[in-house]
């Protein structure tokens, strides 16, 4: 069985606003992709995300987008392997659930790292990254502050 994790948080904004903050590259670039995002998340698209802490734009394959409900992405794993042909991709699933009090529950799951020390290290790094993304998105949407600005560069 491959390694996987899931993180979640509640954001005090309607689901449509929270969902748009992720799919719209202009919004995503303001709180998450410190080097910028290019391309709207739409089913079948390949977009790029760039981070100051991991320079170089990452291709992100958009597997599925269900408006205001779910986003499924695939991207290269940060696992290092001696054989480049053995590189892996992981699958990221984001769900957006409107809550009765007007907030949105966002859950992010990622899976498909190998059960190796390299896979474990890469999964921990991404778990930290997605947790940071949820925190940064909450502060950006609720208060207009960019937590990541100047954090990595």
N, C-alpha and C. Protein backbone atom coordinates (compact mmCIF):
# COMPACT_ATOMS: atom_id res chain seq x y z
N UNK A 1 0.84 -1.18 0.00
CA UNK A 1 0.00 0.00 0.00
C UNK A 1 0.89 1.25 0.00
N UNK A 2 0.56 2.21 -0.85
CA UNK A 2 1.30 3.46 -0.93
C UNK A 2 0.96 4.37 0.25
N UNK A 3 1.86 5.32 0.52
CA UNK A 3 1.64 6.29 1.57
C UNK A 3 0.63 7.35 1.13
N UNK A 4 -0.15 7.86 2.09
CA UNK A 4 -1.13 8.91 1.80
C UNK A 4 -1.39 9.70 3.07
N UNK A 5 -1.98 10.89 2.93
CA UNK A 5 -2.36 11.71 4.07
C UNK A 5 -3.56 12.56 3.68
N UNK A 6 -4.17 13.17 4.71
CA UNK A 6 -5.28 14.09 4.50
C UNK A 6 -5.21 15.18 5.57
N UNK A 7 -5.41 16.43 5.14
CA UNK A 7 -5.47 17.57 6.07
C UNK A 7 -6.76 18.33 5.77
N UNK A 8 -7.24 19.09 6.75
CA UNK A 8 -8.50 19.81 6.54
C UNK A 8 -8.53 21.06 7.40
N UNK A 9 -9.35 22.02 6.97
CA UNK A 9 -9.55 23.24 7.74
C UNK A 9 -10.84 23.92 7.32
N UNK A 10 -11.33 24.78 8.20
CA UNK A 10 -12.57 25.52 7.94
C UNK A 10 -12.23 26.98 7.67
N UNK A 11 -12.85 27.52 6.63
CA UNK A 11 -12.62 28.90 6.22
C UNK A 11 -13.95 29.63 6.27
N UNK A 12 -13.95 30.79 6.91
CA UNK A 12 -15.19 31.56 7.11
C UNK A 12 -15.56 32.37 5.88
N UNK A 13 -15.77 31.67 4.79
CA UNK A 13 -16.23 32.26 3.52
C UNK A 13 -17.11 31.23 2.82
N UNK A 14 -18.00 31.68 1.93
CA UNK A 14 -18.85 30.74 1.19
C UNK A 14 -18.02 29.85 0.27
N UNK A 15 -18.54 28.67 0.00
CA UNK A 15 -17.82 27.68 -0.78
C UNK A 15 -17.39 28.21 -2.15
N UNK A 16 -18.21 28.99 -2.83
CA UNK A 16 -17.86 29.52 -4.15
C UNK A 16 -16.63 30.40 -4.11
N UNK A 17 -16.51 31.21 -3.08
CA UNK A 17 -15.36 32.10 -2.94
C UNK A 17 -14.08 31.31 -2.62
N UNK A 18 -14.20 30.30 -1.78
CA UNK A 18 -13.05 29.48 -1.42
C UNK A 18 -12.59 28.66 -2.63
N UNK A 19 -13.52 28.07 -3.35
CA UNK A 19 -13.20 27.28 -4.53
C UNK A 19 -12.49 28.16 -5.57
N UNK A 20 -13.01 29.34 -5.82
CA UNK A 20 -12.42 30.25 -6.80
C UNK A 20 -11.01 30.66 -6.41
N UNK A 21 -10.73 30.76 -5.11
CA UNK A 21 -9.39 31.11 -4.65
C UNK A 21 -8.37 30.06 -5.05
N UNK A 22 -8.80 28.83 -5.25
CA UNK A 22 -7.89 27.75 -5.65
C UNK A 22 -7.80 27.63 -7.16
N UNK A 23 -8.91 27.67 -7.88
CA UNK A 23 -8.88 27.43 -9.32
C UNK A 23 -8.35 28.62 -10.12
N UNK A 24 -8.45 29.82 -9.57
CA UNK A 24 -8.04 31.03 -10.28
C UNK A 24 -6.56 31.31 -9.99
N UNK A 25 -5.68 31.29 -11.02
CA UNK A 25 -4.25 31.46 -10.77
C UNK A 25 -3.89 32.81 -10.16
N UNK A 26 -4.65 33.85 -10.46
CA UNK A 26 -4.38 35.16 -9.86
C UNK A 26 -4.59 35.12 -8.35
N UNK A 27 -5.63 34.43 -7.91
CA UNK A 27 -5.91 34.31 -6.47
C UNK A 27 -4.89 33.39 -5.81
N UNK A 28 -4.64 32.23 -6.42
CA UNK A 28 -3.72 31.24 -5.84
C UNK A 28 -2.33 31.84 -5.66
N UNK A 29 -1.92 32.70 -6.59
CA UNK A 29 -0.61 33.34 -6.53
C UNK A 29 -0.50 34.33 -5.37
N UNK A 30 -1.61 34.76 -4.84
CA UNK A 30 -1.58 35.76 -3.77
C UNK A 30 -1.34 35.15 -2.40
N UNK A 31 -1.60 33.83 -2.23
CA UNK A 31 -1.44 33.26 -0.90
C UNK A 31 -0.69 31.93 -0.88
N UNK A 32 -0.48 31.28 -2.04
CA UNK A 32 0.12 29.94 -2.00
C UNK A 32 1.36 29.82 -2.87
N UNK A 33 1.23 29.99 -4.16
CA UNK A 33 2.37 29.77 -5.06
C UNK A 33 3.24 31.02 -5.07
N UNK A 34 4.20 31.06 -4.17
CA UNK A 34 5.01 32.25 -3.95
C UNK A 34 5.74 32.72 -5.20
N UNK A 35 5.97 31.84 -6.16
CA UNK A 35 6.58 32.21 -7.44
C UNK A 35 5.55 32.39 -8.54
N UNK A 36 4.28 32.14 -8.25
CA UNK A 36 3.21 32.35 -9.21
C UNK A 36 2.59 31.08 -9.74
N UNK A 37 1.34 31.21 -10.15
CA UNK A 37 0.58 30.12 -10.78
C UNK A 37 0.19 30.59 -12.17
N UNK A 38 0.25 29.68 -13.13
CA UNK A 38 -0.15 30.00 -14.50
C UNK A 38 -1.15 28.95 -14.96
N UNK A 39 -2.32 29.43 -15.37
CA UNK A 39 -3.36 28.56 -15.89
C UNK A 39 -4.45 28.29 -14.87
N UNK A 40 -5.69 28.39 -15.32
CA UNK A 40 -6.85 28.12 -14.47
C UNK A 40 -7.02 26.61 -14.35
N UNK A 41 -7.40 26.14 -13.18
CA UNK A 41 -7.64 24.72 -12.96
C UNK A 41 -8.96 24.32 -13.62
N UNK A 42 -8.84 23.64 -14.74
CA UNK A 42 -9.99 23.13 -15.49
C UNK A 42 -9.67 21.71 -15.91
N UNK A 43 -10.67 20.85 -15.94
CA UNK A 43 -10.46 19.45 -16.29
C UNK A 43 -9.66 19.33 -17.59
N UNK A 44 -8.58 18.54 -17.54
CA UNK A 44 -7.75 18.29 -18.71
C UNK A 44 -6.60 19.26 -18.91
N UNK A 45 -6.58 20.35 -18.17
CA UNK A 45 -5.52 21.36 -18.33
C UNK A 45 -4.22 20.91 -17.67
N UNK A 46 -3.12 21.46 -18.14
CA UNK A 46 -1.83 21.34 -17.46
C UNK A 46 -1.41 22.77 -17.13
N UNK A 47 -1.29 23.06 -15.84
CA UNK A 47 -0.93 24.39 -15.37
C UNK A 47 0.45 24.30 -14.72
N UNK A 48 1.01 25.45 -14.36
CA UNK A 48 2.28 25.43 -13.64
C UNK A 48 2.16 26.21 -12.34
N UNK A 49 2.83 25.69 -11.32
CA UNK A 49 2.94 26.35 -10.03
C UNK A 49 4.41 26.50 -9.72
N UNK A 50 4.80 27.67 -9.24
CA UNK A 50 6.19 27.96 -8.90
C UNK A 50 6.24 28.41 -7.45
N UNK A 51 7.24 27.93 -6.72
CA UNK A 51 7.39 28.25 -5.30
C UNK A 51 8.82 28.72 -5.06
N UNK A 52 8.98 29.78 -4.25
CA UNK A 52 10.32 30.26 -3.93
C UNK A 52 11.12 29.23 -3.14
N UNK A 53 10.43 28.41 -2.33
CA UNK A 53 11.14 27.41 -1.54
C UNK A 53 11.55 26.19 -2.36
N UNK A 54 10.95 26.00 -3.54
CA UNK A 54 11.32 24.94 -4.48
C UNK A 54 11.33 25.53 -5.88
N UNK A 55 12.37 26.31 -6.22
CA UNK A 55 12.37 27.05 -7.49
C UNK A 55 12.22 26.14 -8.71
N UNK A 56 11.59 26.70 -9.71
CA UNK A 56 11.30 25.97 -10.95
C UNK A 56 9.84 25.62 -10.99
N UNK A 57 9.18 26.00 -12.06
CA UNK A 57 7.74 25.77 -12.17
C UNK A 57 7.43 24.28 -12.26
N UNK A 58 6.46 23.83 -11.49
CA UNK A 58 6.01 22.44 -11.49
C UNK A 58 4.81 22.30 -12.42
N UNK A 59 4.82 21.33 -13.34
CA UNK A 59 3.60 21.08 -14.10
C UNK A 59 2.59 20.35 -13.21
N UNK A 60 1.36 20.80 -13.28
CA UNK A 60 0.26 20.22 -12.50
C UNK A 60 -0.81 19.79 -13.50
N UNK A 61 -1.13 18.50 -13.51
CA UNK A 61 -2.12 17.95 -14.43
C UNK A 61 -3.47 17.94 -13.73
N UNK A 62 -4.43 18.61 -14.33
CA UNK A 62 -5.76 18.72 -13.74
C UNK A 62 -6.61 17.56 -14.26
N UNK A 63 -6.88 16.61 -13.39
CA UNK A 63 -7.62 15.41 -13.76
C UNK A 63 -9.11 15.68 -13.80
N UNK A 64 -9.61 16.40 -12.78
CA UNK A 64 -11.06 16.63 -12.69
C UNK A 64 -11.33 17.88 -11.88
N UNK A 65 -12.29 18.66 -12.33
CA UNK A 65 -12.78 19.81 -11.57
C UNK A 65 -14.30 19.75 -11.57
N UNK A 66 -14.88 19.72 -10.39
CA UNK A 66 -16.33 19.77 -10.22
C UNK A 66 -16.61 21.05 -9.43
N UNK A 67 -17.15 22.04 -10.09
CA UNK A 67 -17.31 23.39 -9.52
C UNK A 67 -17.87 23.37 -8.10
N UNK A 68 -17.15 24.08 -7.24
CA UNK A 68 -17.53 24.27 -5.84
C UNK A 68 -17.58 22.98 -5.02
N UNK A 69 -17.02 21.87 -5.56
CA UNK A 69 -17.09 20.60 -4.83
C UNK A 69 -15.76 19.86 -4.75
N UNK A 70 -15.05 19.77 -5.89
CA UNK A 70 -13.91 18.85 -5.91
C UNK A 70 -12.91 19.21 -7.00
N UNK A 71 -11.62 19.02 -6.69
CA UNK A 71 -10.53 19.19 -7.65
C UNK A 71 -9.60 17.99 -7.47
N UNK A 72 -9.22 17.36 -8.59
CA UNK A 72 -8.27 16.26 -8.55
C UNK A 72 -7.09 16.62 -9.45
N UNK A 73 -5.88 16.53 -8.89
CA UNK A 73 -4.65 16.90 -9.59
C UNK A 73 -3.66 15.75 -9.54
N UNK A 74 -2.74 15.73 -10.52
CA UNK A 74 -1.59 14.80 -10.48
C UNK A 74 -0.35 15.62 -10.75
N UNK A 75 0.71 15.32 -9.99
CA UNK A 75 1.98 15.99 -10.22
C UNK A 75 3.12 15.11 -9.77
N UNK A 76 4.31 15.48 -10.16
CA UNK A 76 5.49 14.67 -9.85
C UNK A 76 5.77 14.65 -8.36
N UNK A 77 6.13 13.48 -7.87
CA UNK A 77 6.50 13.32 -6.47
C UNK A 77 7.88 13.91 -6.24
N UNK A 78 8.12 14.40 -5.06
CA UNK A 78 9.44 14.92 -4.70
C UNK A 78 10.37 13.79 -4.27
N UNK A 79 9.93 12.53 -4.41
CA UNK A 79 10.79 11.40 -4.07
C UNK A 79 12.01 11.40 -4.98
N UNK A 80 13.15 11.14 -4.42
CA UNK A 80 14.35 10.99 -5.25
C UNK A 80 14.58 9.51 -5.47
N UNK A 81 14.87 9.17 -6.70
CA UNK A 81 15.18 7.78 -7.04
C UNK A 81 16.44 7.77 -7.89
N UNK A 82 17.23 6.72 -7.77
CA UNK A 82 18.43 6.66 -8.59
C UNK A 82 18.12 6.54 -10.08
N UNK A 83 16.93 6.04 -10.40
CA UNK A 83 16.53 5.85 -11.78
C UNK A 83 15.44 6.85 -12.15
N UNK A 84 15.77 7.90 -12.97
CA UNK A 84 14.77 8.91 -13.33
C UNK A 84 13.53 8.31 -13.99
N UNK A 85 13.68 7.16 -14.66
CA UNK A 85 12.54 6.52 -15.31
C UNK A 85 11.55 5.97 -14.28
N UNK A 86 12.01 5.84 -13.03
CA UNK A 86 11.15 5.29 -11.98
C UNK A 86 10.44 6.39 -11.20
N UNK A 87 10.45 7.62 -11.70
CA UNK A 87 9.81 8.70 -10.97
C UNK A 87 8.31 8.43 -10.85
N UNK A 88 7.74 8.96 -9.80
CA UNK A 88 6.33 8.71 -9.49
C UNK A 88 5.54 10.01 -9.56
N UNK A 89 4.25 9.86 -9.72
CA UNK A 89 3.32 10.98 -9.59
C UNK A 89 2.42 10.69 -8.40
N UNK A 90 1.97 11.77 -7.76
CA UNK A 90 1.00 11.62 -6.70
C UNK A 90 -0.32 12.24 -7.16
N UNK A 91 -1.38 11.85 -6.49
CA UNK A 91 -2.70 12.39 -6.77
C UNK A 91 -3.16 13.21 -5.58
N UNK A 92 -3.59 14.44 -5.87
CA UNK A 92 -4.09 15.37 -4.86
C UNK A 92 -5.60 15.52 -5.09
N UNK A 93 -6.37 15.33 -4.05
CA UNK A 93 -7.82 15.53 -4.14
C UNK A 93 -8.21 16.59 -3.11
N UNK A 94 -8.85 17.64 -3.59
CA UNK A 94 -9.36 18.70 -2.73
C UNK A 94 -10.87 18.66 -2.77
N UNK A 95 -11.50 18.69 -1.60
CA UNK A 95 -12.95 18.76 -1.56
C UNK A 95 -13.36 20.02 -0.79
N UNK A 96 -14.50 20.56 -1.18
CA UNK A 96 -15.03 21.80 -0.62
C UNK A 96 -16.46 21.53 -0.17
N UNK A 97 -16.70 21.67 1.12
CA UNK A 97 -18.02 21.35 1.67
C UNK A 97 -18.61 22.58 2.35
N UNK A 98 -19.76 23.06 1.86
CA UNK A 98 -20.40 24.18 2.55
C UNK A 98 -20.95 23.72 3.90
N UNK A 99 -20.69 24.50 4.93
CA UNK A 99 -21.19 24.17 6.26
C UNK A 99 -22.42 25.02 6.58
N UNK A 100 -23.24 24.56 7.51
CA UNK A 100 -24.49 25.25 7.85
C UNK A 100 -24.27 26.67 8.34
N UNK A 101 -23.11 26.96 8.92
CA UNK A 101 -22.85 28.29 9.47
C UNK A 101 -22.24 29.25 8.43
N UNK A 102 -22.18 28.83 7.15
CA UNK A 102 -21.67 29.69 6.09
C UNK A 102 -20.19 29.51 5.81
N UNK A 103 -19.50 28.75 6.65
CA UNK A 103 -18.09 28.47 6.41
C UNK A 103 -17.95 27.34 5.40
N UNK A 104 -16.71 27.11 4.97
CA UNK A 104 -16.40 26.03 4.03
C UNK A 104 -15.35 25.12 4.65
N UNK A 105 -15.61 23.82 4.62
CA UNK A 105 -14.63 22.83 5.04
C UNK A 105 -13.84 22.41 3.81
N UNK A 106 -12.53 22.62 3.85
CA UNK A 106 -11.65 22.22 2.75
C UNK A 106 -10.83 21.04 3.24
N UNK A 107 -10.84 19.96 2.47
CA UNK A 107 -10.03 18.78 2.79
C UNK A 107 -9.10 18.53 1.61
N UNK A 108 -7.82 18.31 1.91
CA UNK A 108 -6.82 18.02 0.88
C UNK A 108 -6.17 16.69 1.23
N UNK A 109 -6.24 15.75 0.29
CA UNK A 109 -5.63 14.44 0.45
C UNK A 109 -4.62 14.24 -0.67
N UNK A 110 -3.52 13.58 -0.36
CA UNK A 110 -2.54 13.26 -1.39
C UNK A 110 -2.07 11.84 -1.15
N UNK A 111 -1.84 11.13 -2.26
CA UNK A 111 -1.45 9.72 -2.14
C UNK A 111 -0.57 9.28 -3.29
N UNK A 112 0.11 8.16 -3.07
CA UNK A 112 0.88 7.41 -4.07
C UNK A 112 2.39 7.51 -3.90
N UNK A 113 2.86 7.87 -2.70
CA UNK A 113 4.30 7.77 -2.48
C UNK A 113 4.65 6.33 -2.17
N UNK A 114 5.85 5.93 -2.52
CA UNK A 114 6.30 4.58 -2.21
C UNK A 114 6.59 4.45 -0.72
N UNK A 115 6.50 3.24 -0.23
CA UNK A 115 6.81 2.97 1.18
C UNK A 115 8.32 2.79 1.33
N UNK A 116 9.03 3.89 1.14
CA UNK A 116 10.49 3.92 1.27
C UNK A 116 10.82 5.14 2.14
N UNK A 117 12.04 5.22 2.64
CA UNK A 117 12.42 6.43 3.39
C UNK A 117 12.26 7.70 2.54
N UNK A 118 12.57 7.64 1.25
CA UNK A 118 12.41 8.79 0.36
C UNK A 118 10.95 9.16 0.19
N UNK A 119 10.10 8.14 0.02
CA UNK A 119 8.66 8.38 -0.12
C UNK A 119 8.07 8.98 1.15
N UNK A 120 8.50 8.47 2.30
CA UNK A 120 8.02 9.00 3.57
C UNK A 120 8.43 10.45 3.74
N UNK A 121 9.68 10.77 3.46
CA UNK A 121 10.17 12.15 3.57
C UNK A 121 9.39 13.08 2.64
N UNK A 122 9.18 12.66 1.40
CA UNK A 122 8.45 13.49 0.43
C UNK A 122 7.00 13.69 0.87
N UNK A 123 6.37 12.64 1.42
CA UNK A 123 4.98 12.78 1.86
C UNK A 123 4.87 13.74 3.04
N UNK A 124 5.82 13.67 3.97
CA UNK A 124 5.82 14.62 5.10
C UNK A 124 5.97 16.05 4.60
N UNK A 125 6.86 16.26 3.63
CA UNK A 125 7.05 17.61 3.08
C UNK A 125 5.79 18.15 2.45
N UNK A 126 5.09 17.32 1.68
CA UNK A 126 3.85 17.78 1.05
C UNK A 126 2.73 17.98 2.06
N UNK A 127 2.69 17.12 3.09
CA UNK A 127 1.68 17.31 4.15
C UNK A 127 1.90 18.66 4.81
N UNK A 128 3.14 19.00 5.10
CA UNK A 128 3.46 20.32 5.66
C UNK A 128 3.04 21.43 4.70
N UNK A 129 3.32 21.24 3.41
CA UNK A 129 2.98 22.26 2.40
C UNK A 129 1.48 22.49 2.28
N UNK A 130 0.69 21.43 2.26
CA UNK A 130 -0.76 21.59 2.13
C UNK A 130 -1.36 22.18 3.41
N UNK A 131 -0.80 21.83 4.57
CA UNK A 131 -1.27 22.45 5.81
C UNK A 131 -0.99 23.95 5.79
N UNK A 132 0.22 24.31 5.33
CA UNK A 132 0.56 25.72 5.20
C UNK A 132 -0.35 26.43 4.21
N UNK A 133 -0.69 25.75 3.12
CA UNK A 133 -1.58 26.34 2.12
C UNK A 133 -2.95 26.63 2.73
N UNK A 134 -3.50 25.68 3.49
CA UNK A 134 -4.81 25.90 4.12
C UNK A 134 -4.76 27.08 5.10
N UNK A 135 -3.70 27.15 5.90
CA UNK A 135 -3.56 28.28 6.84
C UNK A 135 -3.46 29.60 6.09
N UNK A 136 -2.62 29.62 5.05
CA UNK A 136 -2.43 30.85 4.27
C UNK A 136 -3.72 31.26 3.57
N UNK A 137 -4.46 30.28 3.04
CA UNK A 137 -5.73 30.59 2.37
C UNK A 137 -6.74 31.16 3.36
N UNK A 138 -6.81 30.60 4.54
CA UNK A 138 -7.74 31.10 5.56
C UNK A 138 -7.43 32.56 5.90
N UNK A 139 -6.17 32.84 6.17
CA UNK A 139 -5.79 34.21 6.55
C UNK A 139 -6.00 35.16 5.38
N UNK A 140 -5.68 34.72 4.15
CA UNK A 140 -5.87 35.59 2.98
C UNK A 140 -7.35 35.91 2.77
N UNK A 141 -8.18 34.88 2.75
CA UNK A 141 -9.60 35.09 2.46
C UNK A 141 -10.33 35.81 3.59
N UNK A 142 -9.98 35.51 4.83
CA UNK A 142 -10.70 36.10 5.95
C UNK A 142 -10.16 37.47 6.36
N UNK A 143 -8.85 37.71 6.15
CA UNK A 143 -8.24 38.94 6.68
C UNK A 143 -7.41 39.73 5.67
N UNK A 144 -7.15 39.16 4.47
CA UNK A 144 -6.41 39.87 3.44
C UNK A 144 -4.90 39.93 3.64
N UNK A 145 -4.35 39.07 4.50
CA UNK A 145 -2.90 39.05 4.72
C UNK A 145 -2.28 37.84 4.04
N UNK A 146 -1.11 38.03 3.44
CA UNK A 146 -0.37 36.95 2.80
C UNK A 146 0.67 36.42 3.78
N UNK A 147 0.40 35.27 4.40
CA UNK A 147 1.31 34.67 5.36
C UNK A 147 2.64 34.24 4.75
N UNK A 148 2.64 33.89 3.48
CA UNK A 148 3.84 33.35 2.85
C UNK A 148 4.77 34.43 2.29
N UNK A 149 4.29 35.66 2.18
CA UNK A 149 5.11 36.73 1.62
C UNK A 149 6.38 36.91 2.47
N UNK A 150 7.53 36.77 1.81
CA UNK A 150 8.80 36.93 2.48
C UNK A 150 9.21 35.76 3.36
N UNK A 151 8.40 34.74 3.44
CA UNK A 151 8.68 33.58 4.31
C UNK A 151 9.81 32.72 3.74
N UNK A 152 9.85 32.57 2.43
CA UNK A 152 10.82 31.68 1.79
C UNK A 152 11.92 32.41 1.04
N UNK A 153 11.74 33.69 0.79
CA UNK A 153 12.74 34.41 -0.01
C UNK A 153 12.87 35.83 0.48
